[in-house]
Protein backbone atom coordinates (compact mmCIF):
# COMPACT_ATOMS: atom_id res chain seq x y z
CA MET A 1 13.68 -18.16 -8.43
CA GLY A 2 16.34 -20.85 -9.98
CA VAL A 3 13.58 -23.74 -9.97
CA PHE A 4 13.85 -25.03 -13.57
CA ASN A 5 11.91 -27.76 -15.14
CA GLY A 6 13.56 -31.20 -14.45
CA THR A 7 12.61 -32.43 -18.26
CA LEU A 8 15.67 -30.10 -19.09
CA LEU A 9 18.51 -32.13 -17.04
CA GLY A 10 20.11 -35.37 -18.71
CA VAL A 11 22.83 -37.57 -18.82
CA TYR A 12 25.82 -36.88 -21.30
CA VAL A 13 28.38 -40.06 -22.54
CA GLU A 14 31.19 -38.20 -24.33
CA ASP A 15 28.85 -35.19 -25.02
CA THR A 16 26.40 -36.94 -26.56
CA LEU A 17 22.78 -37.06 -25.11
CA VAL A 18 21.37 -40.64 -23.78
CA ALA A 19 18.06 -41.43 -25.58
CA ALA A 20 14.85 -41.17 -24.66
CA ALA A 21 15.53 -41.06 -21.00
CA GLN A 22 12.93 -40.20 -18.49
CA ASP A 23 14.84 -40.38 -15.35
CA VAL A 24 18.16 -38.87 -14.06
CA SER A 25 19.69 -38.83 -11.04
CA VAL A 26 23.76 -37.99 -9.41
CA SER A 27 24.38 -38.96 -6.79
CA MET A 28 27.57 -38.52 -4.38
CA SER A 29 28.61 -39.08 -0.96
CA VAL A 30 31.34 -38.96 1.46
CA GLU A 31 32.53 -41.94 3.47
CA THR A 32 33.46 -40.97 7.41
CA ILE A 33 36.12 -42.19 9.38
CA ASP A 34 35.77 -42.75 12.97
CA VAL A 35 38.63 -41.01 14.81
CA THR A 36 36.41 -41.05 18.55
CA THR A 37 39.02 -41.04 21.04
CA LYS A 38 38.50 -40.75 25.35
CA ASP A 39 38.65 -37.14 25.07
CA SER A 40 35.62 -36.92 22.51
CA SER A 41 33.54 -35.60 25.80
CA GLY A 42 30.92 -38.82 24.93
CA TYR A 43 30.64 -37.77 21.55
CA ARG A 44 32.07 -39.33 18.08
CA GLU A 45 34.35 -37.11 16.03
CA LEU A 46 34.66 -38.02 12.52
CA LEU A 47 36.71 -37.66 9.60
CA GLY A 48 35.72 -37.18 5.80
CA GLY A 49 37.04 -39.92 3.94
CA LEU A 50 36.29 -41.44 0.35
CA ARG A 51 34.09 -39.49 -2.37
CA THR A 52 31.65 -41.77 -3.99
CA ALA A 53 29.59 -40.80 -7.47
CA SER A 54 27.00 -42.61 -9.38
CA PHE A 55 25.22 -41.61 -12.11
CA SER A 56 21.90 -42.91 -12.96
CA VAL A 57 19.77 -43.07 -16.21
CA SER A 58 16.33 -44.61 -17.03
CA GLY A 59 13.66 -44.54 -19.75
CA LEU A 60 12.16 -45.54 -23.29
CA VAL A 61 14.25 -47.99 -25.31
CA ASP A 62 14.28 -46.95 -28.80
CA TYR A 63 16.26 -48.75 -31.36
CA THR A 64 15.52 -46.52 -34.16
CA GLU A 65 16.96 -43.68 -33.12
CA ALA A 66 20.88 -42.87 -34.02
CA THR A 67 20.95 -39.21 -33.15
CA TYR A 68 21.55 -39.79 -29.13
CA GLU A 69 23.37 -42.66 -26.84
CA SER A 70 21.26 -45.92 -27.71
CA THR A 71 20.68 -48.81 -25.80
CA ALA A 72 22.92 -50.67 -27.68
CA ASP A 73 25.64 -47.74 -27.61
CA LEU A 74 25.35 -48.58 -23.59
CA ALA A 75 25.68 -52.18 -23.96
CA THR A 76 28.72 -51.28 -25.41
CA ILE A 77 30.02 -49.26 -22.55
CA LEU A 78 29.46 -51.78 -20.01
CA ILE A 79 31.12 -54.85 -22.45
CA ALA A 80 34.22 -52.62 -22.78
CA ARG A 81 34.62 -52.40 -18.84
CA THR A 82 36.38 -48.97 -19.78
CA ALA A 83 35.63 -45.34 -18.25
CA VAL A 84 33.68 -42.87 -20.37
CA THR A 85 33.34 -38.97 -20.01
CA LEU A 86 29.76 -38.45 -18.05
CA LYS A 87 27.84 -35.50 -17.88
CA PHE A 88 24.97 -34.44 -16.07
CA SER A 89 23.67 -31.58 -17.39
CA THR A 90 21.36 -29.20 -18.65
CA GLU A 91 23.15 -27.70 -21.51
CA VAL A 92 22.14 -23.99 -20.84
CA ALA A 93 24.36 -21.43 -20.38
CA GLY A 94 25.06 -20.53 -16.73
CA ASP A 95 23.26 -23.80 -15.01
CA GLN A 96 25.67 -26.02 -13.26
CA SER A 97 26.78 -29.15 -14.43
CA VAL A 98 28.17 -32.52 -12.89
CA SER A 99 30.55 -34.79 -14.45
CA ALA A 100 33.66 -37.34 -14.33
CA GLU A 101 35.17 -40.22 -15.84
CA ALA A 102 32.43 -43.04 -15.39
CA ILE A 103 32.35 -46.89 -15.54
CA CYS A 104 28.96 -48.48 -16.67
CA THR A 105 28.65 -50.98 -14.08
CA SER A 106 24.73 -51.79 -14.94
CA LEU A 107 22.34 -51.80 -18.42
CA GLU A 108 18.78 -52.95 -18.04
CA LEU A 109 16.62 -53.68 -20.15
CA SER A 110 12.95 -55.50 -19.83
CA ALA A 111 9.30 -55.45 -21.16
CA GLY A 112 6.20 -56.49 -20.16
CA THR A 113 3.80 -57.76 -21.86
CA GLU A 114 1.39 -54.85 -23.82
CA ASP A 115 3.70 -52.87 -22.23
CA THR A 116 6.43 -50.08 -23.44
CA ALA A 117 10.44 -51.07 -23.52
CA THR A 118 12.43 -49.88 -21.16
CA TYR A 119 16.12 -49.64 -19.87
CA SER A 120 18.11 -48.35 -16.54
CA ALA A 121 21.71 -47.68 -16.28
CA THR A 122 23.98 -46.97 -13.97
CA PHE A 123 27.26 -45.58 -13.80
CA GLU A 124 30.37 -45.12 -11.38
CA ALA A 125 32.36 -42.65 -11.74
CA THR A 126 36.09 -43.27 -11.20
CA GLY A 127 38.74 -40.75 -10.32
CA THR A 128 37.87 -36.37 -9.63
CA VAL A 129 33.79 -35.52 -9.55
CA THR A 130 34.26 -32.12 -11.10
CA LEU A 131 31.27 -29.23 -10.82
CA ALA A 132 31.55 -26.50 -13.68
CA THR A 133 29.01 -23.54 -14.98
CA ILE A 134 28.10 -24.01 -18.27
CA PRO A 135 29.48 -20.76 -20.76
CA THR A 136 27.83 -18.53 -22.71
CA PRO A 137 28.01 -19.52 -26.14
CA PRO A 138 30.72 -16.76 -27.70
């Protein structure tokens, strides 16, 4: 069976894992174009239209982390308004990954009284979304 522990999945920015993530997701959709005519026998007919994808990551704020993409790095990406290479992956050989150039469209940092500081970020894909299999190392 191909079921696995979700802890393995991460969001990578330019091949660097986003730090202290607790939840990651990718969402893909296709808009539809209504092409119903009087010849459609009373049923709606559709064509596939624009495809979109978004990536989300949320977790704990760690200002001391230097190995992974930090919330400061995410803020820099958002402020720059430029696309970065994003990947949703386990990085385990044989597993599938989803990647795209994406723009960070939101970043939220929050901290409640006597609670951990958290962040959440959303990226919107621009251009082609690529599905790939993680290669086996040589």
